[in-house]
Amino acid sequence: GSSDDLFEKLRSGLISLAVVTAPYDQ
């Protein structure tokens, strides 16, 4: 998915690891 999609999956706990593109929530 897009980086924003994966950030949402990280926030919801669906995944705990990801490769995304910058910028990100530090």
mmCIF file of all heavy atoms, coordinates in Angstrom:
data_MODEL
# 
_entry.id   MODEL 
# 
loop_
_atom_site.group_PDB 
_atom_site.id 
_atom_site.type_symbol 
_atom_site.label_atom_id 
_atom_site.label_alt_id 
_atom_site.label_comp_id 
_atom_site.label_asym_id 
_atom_site.label_entity_id 
_atom_site.label_seq_id 
_atom_site.pdbx_PDB_ins_code 
_atom_site.Cartn_x 
_atom_site.Cartn_y 
_atom_site.Cartn_z 
_atom_site.occupancy 
_atom_site.B_iso_or_equiv 
_atom_site.pdbx_formal_charge 
_atom_site.auth_seq_id 
_atom_site.auth_comp_id 
_atom_site.auth_asym_id 
_atom_site.auth_atom_id 
_atom_site.pdbx_PDB_model_num 
ATOM 1   N N   . GLY A 1 1  ? 0.831  -1.200 0.000  1.00 0.00 ? 1  GLY A N   1 
ATOM 2   C CA  . GLY A 1 1  ? 0.000  0.000  0.000  1.00 0.00 ? 1  GLY A CA  1 
ATOM 3   C C   . GLY A 1 1  ? 0.859  1.240  0.000  1.00 0.00 ? 1  GLY A C   1 
ATOM 4   O O   . GLY A 1 1  ? 2.095  1.167  -0.033 1.00 0.00 ? 1  GLY A O   1 
ATOM 5   N N   . SER A 1 2  ? 0.226  2.405  0.043  1.00 0.00 ? 2  SER A N   1 
ATOM 6   C CA  . SER A 1 2  ? 0.964  3.656  0.128  1.00 0.00 ? 2  SER A CA  1 
ATOM 7   C C   . SER A 1 2  ? 1.532  3.810  1.536  1.00 0.00 ? 2  SER A C   1 
ATOM 8   O O   . SER A 1 2  ? 1.143  3.093  2.469  1.00 0.00 ? 2  SER A O   1 
ATOM 9   C CB  . SER A 1 2  ? 0.041  4.841  -0.182 1.00 0.00 ? 2  SER A CB  1 
ATOM 10  O OG  . SER A 1 2  ? -0.925 4.987  0.857  1.00 0.00 ? 2  SER A OG  1 
ATOM 11  N N   . SER A 1 3  ? 2.445  4.765  1.702  1.00 0.00 ? 3  SER A N   1 
ATOM 12  C CA  . SER A 1 3  ? 2.998  5.009  3.038  1.00 0.00 ? 3  SER A CA  1 
ATOM 13  C C   . SER A 1 3  ? 1.903  5.368  4.027  1.00 0.00 ? 3  SER A C   1 
ATOM 14  O O   . SER A 1 3  ? 1.889  4.890  5.166  1.00 0.00 ? 3  SER A O   1 
ATOM 15  C CB  . SER A 1 3  ? 4.051  6.131  2.985  1.00 0.00 ? 3  SER A CB  1 
ATOM 16  O OG  . SER A 1 3  ? 5.214  5.693  2.324  1.00 0.00 ? 3  SER A OG  1 
ATOM 17  N N   . ASP A 1 4  ? 0.947  6.189  3.593  1.00 0.00 ? 4  ASP A N   1 
ATOM 18  C CA  . ASP A 1 4  ? -0.139 6.582  4.490  1.00 0.00 ? 4  ASP A CA  1 
ATOM 19  C C   . ASP A 1 4  ? -0.982 5.370  4.890  1.00 0.00 ? 4  ASP A C   1 
ATOM 20  O O   . ASP A 1 4  ? -1.427 5.262  6.042  1.00 0.00 ? 4  ASP A O   1 
ATOM 21  C CB  . ASP A 1 4  ? -1.017 7.651  3.830  1.00 0.00 ? 4  ASP A CB  1 
ATOM 22  C CG  . ASP A 1 4  ? -0.298 8.987  3.693  1.00 0.00 ? 4  ASP A CG  1 
ATOM 23  O OD1 . ASP A 1 4  ? 0.673  9.219  4.443  1.00 0.00 ? 4  ASP A OD1 1 
ATOM 24  O OD2 . ASP A 1 4  ? -0.699 9.793  2.835  1.00 0.00 ? 4  ASP A OD2 1 
ATOM 25  N N   . ASP A 1 5  ? -1.217 4.457  3.944  1.00 0.00 ? 5  ASP A N   1 
ATOM 26  C CA  . ASP A 1 5  ? -1.944 3.224  4.275  1.00 0.00 ? 5  ASP A CA  1 
ATOM 27  C C   . ASP A 1 5  ? -1.206 2.442  5.356  1.00 0.00 ? 5  ASP A C   1 
ATOM 28  O O   . ASP A 1 5  ? -1.810 1.933  6.318  1.00 0.00 ? 5  ASP A O   1 
ATOM 29  C CB  . ASP A 1 5  ? -2.077 2.323  3.040  1.00 0.00 ? 5  ASP A CB  1 
ATOM 30  C CG  . ASP A 1 5  ? -2.988 2.904  1.982  1.00 0.00 ? 5  ASP A CG  1 
ATOM 31  O OD1 . ASP A 1 5  ? -3.848 3.729  2.337  1.00 0.00 ? 5  ASP A OD1 1 
ATOM 32  O OD2 . ASP A 1 5  ? -2.831 2.542  0.797  1.00 0.00 ? 5  ASP A OD2 1 
ATOM 33  N N   . LEU A 1 6  ? 0.117  2.320  5.190  1.00 0.00 ? 6  LEU A N   1 
ATOM 34  C CA  . LEU A 1 6  ? 0.907  1.525  6.136  1.00 0.00 ? 6  LEU A CA  1 
ATOM 35  C C   . LEU A 1 6  ? 1.006  2.223  7.491  1.00 0.00 ? 6  LEU A C   1 
ATOM 36  O O   . LEU A 1 6  ? 1.025  1.550  8.526  1.00 0.00 ? 6  LEU A O   1 
ATOM 37  C CB  . LEU A 1 6  ? 2.296  1.263  5.562  1.00 0.00 ? 6  LEU A CB  1 
ATOM 38  C CG  . LEU A 1 6  ? 2.302  0.440  4.264  1.00 0.00 ? 6  LEU A CG  1 
ATOM 39  C CD1 . LEU A 1 6  ? 3.728  0.197  3.786  1.00 0.00 ? 6  LEU A CD1 1 
ATOM 40  C CD2 . LEU A 1 6  ? 1.576  -0.889 4.444  1.00 0.00 ? 6  LEU A CD2 1 
ATOM 41  N N   . PHE A 1 7  ? 1.074  3.557  7.498  1.00 0.00 ? 7  PHE A N   1 
ATOM 42  C CA  . PHE A 1 7  ? 1.072  4.266  8.778  1.00 0.00 ? 7  PHE A CA  1 
ATOM 43  C C   . PHE A 1 7  ? -0.202 3.958  9.556  1.00 0.00 ? 7  PHE A C   1 
ATOM 44  O O   . PHE A 1 7  ? -0.164 3.768  10.776 1.00 0.00 ? 7  PHE A O   1 
ATOM 45  C CB  . PHE A 1 7  ? 1.183  5.784  8.559  1.00 0.00 ? 7  PHE A CB  1 
ATOM 46  C CG  . PHE A 1 7  ? 2.522  6.241  8.050  1.00 0.00 ? 7  PHE A CG  1 
ATOM 47  C CD1 . PHE A 1 7  ? 2.617  7.262  7.130  1.00 0.00 ? 7  PHE A CD1 1 
ATOM 48  C CD2 . PHE A 1 7  ? 3.690  5.641  8.500  1.00 0.00 ? 7  PHE A CD2 1 
ATOM 49  C CE1 . PHE A 1 7  ? 3.841  7.678  6.655  1.00 0.00 ? 7  PHE A CE1 1 
ATOM 50  C CE2 . PHE A 1 7  ? 4.920  6.058  8.030  1.00 0.00 ? 7  PHE A CE2 1 
ATOM 51  C CZ  . PHE A 1 7  ? 5.003  7.081  7.104  1.00 0.00 ? 7  PHE A CZ  1 
ATOM 52  N N   . GLU A 1 8  ? -1.322 3.908  8.857  1.00 0.00 ? 8  GLU A N   1 
ATOM 53  C CA  . GLU A 1 8  ? -2.591 3.601  9.521  1.00 0.00 ? 8  GLU A CA  1 
ATOM 54  C C   . GLU A 1 8  ? -2.588 2.168  10.046 1.00 0.00 ? 8  GLU A C   1 
ATOM 55  O O   . GLU A 1 8  ? -3.064 1.904  11.154 1.00 0.00 ? 8  GLU A O   1 
ATOM 56  C CB  . GLU A 1 8  ? -3.759 3.808  8.547  1.00 0.00 ? 8  GLU A CB  1 
ATOM 57  C CG  . GLU A 1 8  ? -5.136 3.566  9.160  1.00 0.00 ? 8  GLU A CG  1 
ATOM 58  C CD  . GLU A 1 8  ? -5.395 4.432  10.382 1.00 0.00 ? 8  GLU A CD  1 
ATOM 59  O OE1 . GLU A 1 8  ? -4.959 5.597  10.394 1.00 0.00 ? 8  GLU A OE1 1 
ATOM 60  O OE2 . GLU A 1 8  ? -6.025 3.932  11.340 1.00 0.00 ? 8  GLU A OE2 1 
ATOM 61  N N   . LYS A 1 9  ? -2.031 1.236  9.283  1.00 0.00 ? 9  LYS A N   1 
ATOM 62  C CA  . LYS A 1 9  ? -1.944 -0.150 9.748  1.00 0.00 ? 9  LYS A CA  1 
ATOM 63  C C   . LYS A 1 9  ? -1.025 -0.259 10.964 1.00 0.00 ? 9  LYS A C   1 
ATOM 64  O O   . LYS A 1 9  ? -1.272 -1.060 11.874 1.00 0.00 ? 9  LYS A O   1 
ATOM 65  C CB  . LYS A 1 9  ? -1.449 -1.050 8.616  1.00 0.00 ? 9  LYS A CB  1 
ATOM 66  C CG  . LYS A 1 9  ? -2.478 -1.312 7.522  1.00 0.00 ? 9  LYS A CG  1 
ATOM 67  C CD  . LYS A 1 9  ? -1.921 -2.224 6.449  1.00 0.00 ? 9  LYS A CD  1 
ATOM 68  C CE  . LYS A 1 9  ? -2.990 -2.657 5.455  1.00 0.00 ? 9  LYS A CE  1 
ATOM 69  N NZ  . LYS A 1 9  ? -3.542 -1.537 4.675  1.00 0.00 ? 9  LYS A NZ  1 
ATOM 70  N N   . LEU A 1 10 ? 0.040  0.538  10.998 1.00 0.00 ? 10 LEU A N   1 
ATOM 71  C CA  . LEU A 1 10 ? 0.924  0.557  12.160 1.00 0.00 ? 10 LEU A CA  1 
ATOM 72  C C   . LEU A 1 10 ? 0.195  1.121  13.380 1.00 0.00 ? 10 LEU A C   1 
ATOM 73  O O   . LEU A 1 10 ? 0.290  0.580  14.486 1.00 0.00 ? 10 LEU A O   1 
ATOM 74  C CB  . LEU A 1 10 ? 2.170  1.392  11.869 1.00 0.00 ? 10 LEU A CB  1 
ATOM 75  C CG  . LEU A 1 10 ? 3.228  0.751  10.961 1.00 0.00 ? 10 LEU A CG  1 
ATOM 76  C CD1 . LEU A 1 10 ? 4.176  1.816  10.422 1.00 0.00 ? 10 LEU A CD1 1 
ATOM 77  C CD2 . LEU A 1 10 ? 4.023  -0.306 11.719 1.00 0.00 ? 10 LEU A CD2 1 
ATOM 78  N N   . ARG A 1 11 ? -0.547 2.212  13.176 1.00 0.00 ? 11 ARG A N   1 
ATOM 79  C CA  . ARG A 1 11 ? -1.273 2.827  14.295 1.00 0.00 ? 11 ARG A CA  1 
ATOM 80  C C   . ARG A 1 11 ? -2.335 1.882  14.851 1.00 0.00 ? 11 ARG A C   1 
ATOM 81  O O   . ARG A 1 11 ? -2.551 1.823  16.060 1.00 0.00 ? 11 ARG A O   1 
ATOM 82  C CB  . ARG A 1 11 ? -1.920 4.138  13.839 1.00 0.00 ? 11 ARG A CB  1 
ATOM 83  C CG  . ARG A 1 11 ? -0.984 5.328  13.809 1.00 0.00 ? 11 ARG A CG  1 
ATOM 84  C CD  . ARG A 1 11 ? -1.749 6.622  13.635 1.00 0.00 ? 11 ARG A CD  1 
ATOM 85  N NE  . ARG A 1 11 ? -2.286 6.737  12.294 1.00 0.00 ? 11 ARG A NE  1 
ATOM 86  C CZ  . ARG A 1 11 ? -1.653 7.317  11.272 1.00 0.00 ? 11 ARG A CZ  1 
ATOM 87  N NH1 . ARG A 1 11 ? -0.441 7.837  11.455 1.00 0.00 ? 11 ARG A NH1 1 
ATOM 88  N NH2 . ARG A 1 11 ? -2.208 7.382  10.081 1.00 0.00 ? 11 ARG A NH2 1 
ATOM 89  N N   . SER A 1 12 ? -2.995 1.135  13.959 1.00 0.00 ? 12 SER A N   1 
ATOM 90  C CA  . SER A 1 12 ? -4.075 0.247  14.401 1.00 0.00 ? 12 SER A CA  1 
ATOM 91  C C   . SER A 1 12 ? -3.555 -1.071 14.959 1.00 0.00 ? 12 SER A C   1 
ATOM 92  O O   . SER A 1 12 ? -4.316 -1.830 15.549 1.00 0.00 ? 12 SER A O   1 
ATOM 93  C CB  . SER A 1 12 ? -5.022 -0.028 13.236 1.00 0.00 ? 12 SER A CB  1 
ATOM 94  O OG  . SER A 1 12 ? -4.377 -0.785 12.234 1.00 0.00 ? 12 SER A OG  1 
ATOM 95  N N   . GLY A 1 13 ? -2.256 -1.342 14.757 1.00 0.00 ? 13 GLY A N   1 
ATOM 96  C CA  . GLY A 1 13 ? -1.688 -2.586 15.257 1.00 0.00 ? 13 GLY A CA  1 
ATOM 97  C C   . GLY A 1 13 ? -1.796 -3.763 14.303 1.00 0.00 ? 13 GLY A C   1 
ATOM 98  O O   . GLY A 1 13 ? -1.440 -4.884 14.664 1.00 0.00 ? 13 GLY A O   1 
ATOM 99  N N   . LEU A 1 14 ? -2.283 -3.521 13.068 1.00 0.00 ? 14 LEU A N   1 
ATOM 100 C CA  . LEU A 1 14 ? -2.365 -4.613 12.101 1.00 0.00 ? 14 LEU A CA  1 
ATOM 101 C C   . LEU A 1 14 ? -0.973 -5.135 11.741 1.00 0.00 ? 14 LEU A C   1 
ATOM 102 O O   . LEU A 1 14 ? -0.801 -6.317 11.450 1.00 0.00 ? 14 LEU A O   1 
ATOM 103 C CB  . LEU A 1 14 ? -3.072 -4.146 10.834 1.00 0.00 ? 14 LEU A CB  1 
ATOM 104 C CG  . LEU A 1 14 ? -4.596 -3.989 10.911 1.00 0.00 ? 14 LEU A CG  1 
ATOM 105 C CD1 . LEU A 1 14 ? -5.131 -3.448 9.605  1.00 0.00 ? 14 LEU A CD1 1 
ATOM 106 C CD2 . LEU A 1 14 ? -5.255 -5.321 11.245 1.00 0.00 ? 14 LEU A CD2 1 
ATOM 107 N N   . ILE A 1 15 ? -0.003 -4.254 11.693 1.00 0.00 ? 15 ILE A N   1 
ATOM 108 C CA  . ILE A 1 15 ? 1.392  -4.624 11.479 1.00 0.00 ? 15 ILE A CA  1 
ATOM 109 C C   . ILE A 1 15 ? 2.227  -3.870 12.499 1.00 0.00 ? 15 ILE A C   1 
ATOM 110 O O   . ILE A 1 15 ? 1.796  -2.854 13.056 1.00 0.00 ? 15 ILE A O   1 
ATOM 111 C CB  . ILE A 1 15 ? 1.884  -4.297 10.053 1.00 0.00 ? 15 ILE A CB  1 
ATOM 112 C CG1 . ILE A 1 15 ? 1.675  -2.803 9.752  1.00 0.00 ? 15 ILE A CG1 1 
ATOM 113 C CG2 . ILE A 1 15 ? 1.202  -5.158 9.023  1.00 0.00 ? 15 ILE A CG2 1 
ATOM 114 C CD1 . ILE A 1 15 ? 2.218  -2.370 8.413  1.00 0.00 ? 15 ILE A CD1 1 
ATOM 115 N N   . SER A 1 16 ? 3.435  -4.352 12.754 1.00 0.00 ? 16 SER A N   1 
ATOM 116 C CA  . SER A 1 16 ? 4.333  -3.630 13.655 1.00 0.00 ? 16 SER A CA  1 
ATOM 117 C C   . SER A 1 16 ? 5.642  -3.251 12.982 1.00 0.00 ? 16 SER A C   1 
ATOM 118 O O   . SER A 1 16 ? 6.446  -2.536 13.566 1.00 0.00 ? 16 SER A O   1 
ATOM 119 C CB  . SER A 1 16 ? 4.619  -4.470 14.910 1.00 0.00 ? 16 SER A CB  1 
ATOM 120 O OG  . SER A 1 16 ? 5.033  -5.770 14.572 1.00 0.00 ? 16 SER A OG  1 
ATOM 121 N N   . LEU A 1 17 ? 5.846  -3.737 11.727 1.00 0.00 ? 17 LEU A N   1 
ATOM 122 C CA  . LEU A 1 17 ? 7.050  -3.423 10.966 1.00 0.00 ? 17 LEU A CA  1 
ATOM 123 C C   . LEU A 1 17 ? 6.629  -2.964 9.569  1.00 0.00 ? 17 LEU A C   1 
ATOM 124 O O   . LEU A 1 17 ? 5.646  -3.445 9.026  1.00 0.00 ? 17 LEU A O   1 
ATOM 125 C CB  . LEU A 1 17 ? 7.954  -4.649 10.827 1.00 0.00 ? 17 LEU A CB  1 
ATOM 126 C CG  . LEU A 1 17 ? 8.303  -5.444 12.082 1.00 0.00 ? 17 LEU A CG  1 
ATOM 127 C CD1 . LEU A 1 17 ? 9.089  -6.701 11.692 1.00 0.00 ? 17 LEU A CD1 1 
ATOM 128 C CD2 . LEU A 1 17 ? 9.102  -4.599 13.061 1.00 0.00 ? 17 LEU A CD2 1 
ATOM 129 N N   . ALA A 1 18 ? 7.410  -2.043 8.977  1.00 0.00 ? 18 ALA A N   1 
ATOM 130 C CA  . ALA A 1 18 ? 7.081  -1.594 7.627  1.00 0.00 ? 18 ALA A CA  1 
ATOM 131 C C   . ALA A 1 18 ? 8.282  -0.900 6.994  1.00 0.00 ? 18 ALA A C   1 
ATOM 132 O O   . ALA A 1 18 ? 9.170  -0.396 7.688  1.00 0.00 ? 18 ALA A O   1 
ATOM 133 C CB  . ALA A 1 18 ? 5.884  -0.645 7.636  1.00 0.00 ? 18 ALA A CB  1 
ATOM 134 N N   . VAL A 1 19 ? 8.282  -0.888 5.666  1.00 0.00 ? 19 VAL A N   1 
ATOM 135 C CA  . VAL A 1 19 ? 9.190  -0.036 4.900  1.00 0.00 ? 19 VAL A CA  1 
ATOM 136 C C   . VAL A 1 19 ? 8.327  1.025  4.236  1.00 0.00 ? 19 VAL A C   1 
ATOM 137 O O   . VAL A 1 19 ? 7.396  0.698  3.487  1.00 0.00 ? 19 VAL A O   1 
ATOM 138 C CB  . VAL A 1 19 ? 9.970  -0.832 3.836  1.00 0.00 ? 19 VAL A CB  1 
ATOM 139 C CG1 . VAL A 1 19 ? 10.852 0.103  3.014  1.00 0.00 ? 19 VAL A CG1 1 
ATOM 140 C CG2 . VAL A 1 19 ? 10.819 -1.916 4.488  1.00 0.00 ? 19 VAL A CG2 1 
ATOM 141 N N   . VAL A 1 20 ? 8.604  2.305  4.528  1.00 0.00 ? 20 VAL A N   1 
ATOM 142 C CA  . VAL A 1 20 ? 7.801  3.422  4.037  1.00 0.00 ? 20 VAL A CA  1 
ATOM 143 C C   . VAL A 1 20 ? 8.729  4.458  3.428  1.00 0.00 ? 20 VAL A C   1 
ATOM 144 O O   . VAL A 1 20 ? 9.955  4.337  3.480  1.00 0.00 ? 20 VAL A O   1 
ATOM 145 C CB  . VAL A 1 20 ? 6.976  4.055  5.181  1.00 0.00 ? 20 VAL A CB  1 
ATOM 146 C CG1 . VAL A 1 20 ? 6.008  3.049  5.784  1.00 0.00 ? 20 VAL A CG1 1 
ATOM 147 C CG2 . VAL A 1 20 ? 7.909  4.619  6.272  1.00 0.00 ? 20 VAL A CG2 1 
ATOM 148 N N   . THR A 1 21 ? 8.143  5.506  2.868  1.00 0.00 ? 21 THR A N   1 
ATOM 149 C CA  . THR A 1 21 ? 8.935  6.625  2.379  1.00 0.00 ? 21 THR A CA  1 
ATOM 150 C C   . THR A 1 21 ? 8.784  7.805  3.322  1.00 0.00 ? 21 THR A C   1 
ATOM 151 O O   . THR A 1 21 ? 7.747  7.981  3.971  1.00 0.00 ? 21 THR A O   1 
ATOM 152 C CB  . THR A 1 21 ? 8.504  7.044  0.963  1.00 0.00 ? 21 THR A CB  1 
ATOM 153 O OG1 . THR A 1 21 ? 7.091  7.327  0.964  1.00 0.00 ? 21 THR A OG1 1 
ATOM 154 C CG2 . THR A 1 21 ? 8.793  5.940  -0.038 1.00 0.00 ? 21 THR A CG2 1 
ATOM 155 N N   . ALA A 1 22 ? 9.842  8.612  3.419  1.00 0.00 ? 22 ALA A N   1 
ATOM 156 C CA  . ALA A 1 22 ? 9.812  9.805  4.245  1.00 0.00 ? 22 ALA A CA  1 
ATOM 157 C C   . ALA A 1 22 ? 8.850  10.825 3.616  1.00 0.00 ? 22 ALA A C   1 
ATOM 158 O O   . ALA A 1 22 ? 8.614  10.800 2.412  1.00 0.00 ? 22 ALA A O   1 
ATOM 159 C CB  . ALA A 1 22 ? 11.218 10.385 4.348  1.00 0.00 ? 22 ALA A CB  1 
ATOM 160 N N   . PRO A 1 23 ? 8.286  11.744 4.434  1.00 0.00 ? 23 PRO A N   1 
ATOM 161 C CA  . PRO A 1 23 ? 8.461  11.874 5.883  1.00 0.00 ? 23 PRO A CA  1 
ATOM 162 C C   . PRO A 1 23 ? 7.574  10.893 6.651  1.00 0.00 ? 23 PRO A C   1 
ATOM 163 O O   . PRO A 1 23 ? 6.714  10.242 6.064  1.00 0.00 ? 23 PRO A O   1 
ATOM 164 C CB  . PRO A 1 23 ? 8.019  13.313 6.144  1.00 0.00 ? 23 PRO A CB  1 
ATOM 165 C CG  . PRO A 1 23 ? 6.970  13.564 5.101  1.00 0.00 ? 23 PRO A CG  1 
ATOM 166 C CD  . PRO A 1 23 ? 7.446  12.818 3.871  1.00 0.00 ? 23 PRO A CD  1 
ATOM 167 N N   . TYR A 1 24 ? 7.798  10.825 7.964  1.00 0.00 ? 24 TYR A N   1 
ATOM 168 C CA  . TYR A 1 24 ? 7.049  9.904  8.804  1.00 0.00 ? 24 TYR A CA  1 
ATOM 169 C C   . TYR A 1 24 ? 6.887  10.524 10.191 1.00 0.00 ? 24 TYR A C   1 
ATOM 170 O O   . TYR A 1 24 ? 7.486  11.561 10.494 1.00 0.00 ? 24 TYR A O   1 
ATOM 171 C CB  . TYR A 1 24 ? 7.779  8.559  8.917  1.00 0.00 ? 24 TYR A CB  1 
ATOM 172 C CG  . TYR A 1 24 ? 9.077  8.640  9.707  1.00 0.00 ? 24 TYR A CG  1 
ATOM 173 C CD1 . TYR A 1 24 ? 9.138  8.187  11.019 1.00 0.00 ? 24 TYR A CD1 1 
ATOM 174 C CD2 . TYR A 1 24 ? 10.227 9.191  9.149  1.00 0.00 ? 24 TYR A CD2 1 
ATOM 175 C CE1 . TYR A 1 24 ? 10.310 8.274  11.757 1.00 0.00 ? 24 TYR A CE1 1 
ATOM 176 C CE2 . TYR A 1 24 ? 11.396 9.289  9.877  1.00 0.00 ? 24 TYR A CE2 1 
ATOM 177 C CZ  . TYR A 1 24 ? 11.441 8.835  11.175 1.00 0.00 ? 24 TYR A CZ  1 
ATOM 178 O OH  . TYR A 1 24 ? 12.592 8.939  11.901 1.00 0.00 ? 24 TYR A OH  1 
ATOM 179 N N   . ASP A 1 25 ? 6.075  9.891  11.033 1.00 0.00 ? 25 ASP A N   1 
ATOM 180 C CA  . ASP A 1 25 ? 5.793  10.387 12.381 1.00 0.00 ? 25 ASP A CA  1 
ATOM 181 C C   . ASP A 1 25 ? 6.916  9.964  13.324 1.00 0.00 ? 25 ASP A C   1 
ATOM 182 O O   . ASP A 1 25 ? 6.969  8.827  13.780 1.00 0.00 ? 25 ASP A O   1 
ATOM 183 C CB  . ASP A 1 25 ? 4.450  9.826  12.865 1.00 0.00 ? 25 ASP A CB  1 
ATOM 184 C CG  . ASP A 1 25 ? 3.985  10.441 14.176 1.00 0.00 ? 25 ASP A CG  1 
ATOM 185 O OD1 . ASP A 1 25 ? 4.845  10.968 14.920 1.00 0.00 ? 25 ASP A OD1 1 
ATOM 186 O OD2 . ASP A 1 25 ? 2.781  10.377 14.475 1.00 0.00 ? 25 ASP A OD2 1 
ATOM 187 N N   . GLN A 1 26 ? 7.842  10.891 13.615 1.00 0.00 ? 26 GLN A N   1 
ATOM 188 C CA  . GLN A 1 26 ? 8.990  10.562 14.449 1.00 0.00 ? 26 GLN A CA  1 
ATOM 189 C C   . GLN A 1 26 ? 8.611  10.361 15.908 1.00 0.00 ? 26 GLN A C   1 
ATOM 190 O O   . GLN A 1 26 ? 9.396  9.790  16.680 1.00 0.00 ? 26 GLN A O   1 
ATOM 191 C CB  . GLN A 1 26 ? 10.054 11.652 14.321 1.00 0.00 ? 26 GLN A CB  1 
ATOM 192 C CG  . GLN A 1 26 ? 10.567 11.810 12.899 1.00 0.00 ? 26 GLN A CG  1 
ATOM 193 C CD  . GLN A 1 26 ? 11.678 12.824 12.785 1.00 0.00 ? 26 GLN A CD  1 
ATOM 194 O OE1 . GLN A 1 26 ? 12.544 12.929 13.651 1.00 0.00 ? 26 GLN A OE1 1 
ATOM 195 N NE2 . GLN A 1 26 ? 11.670 13.598 11.707 1.00 0.00 ? 26 GLN A NE2 1 
# 
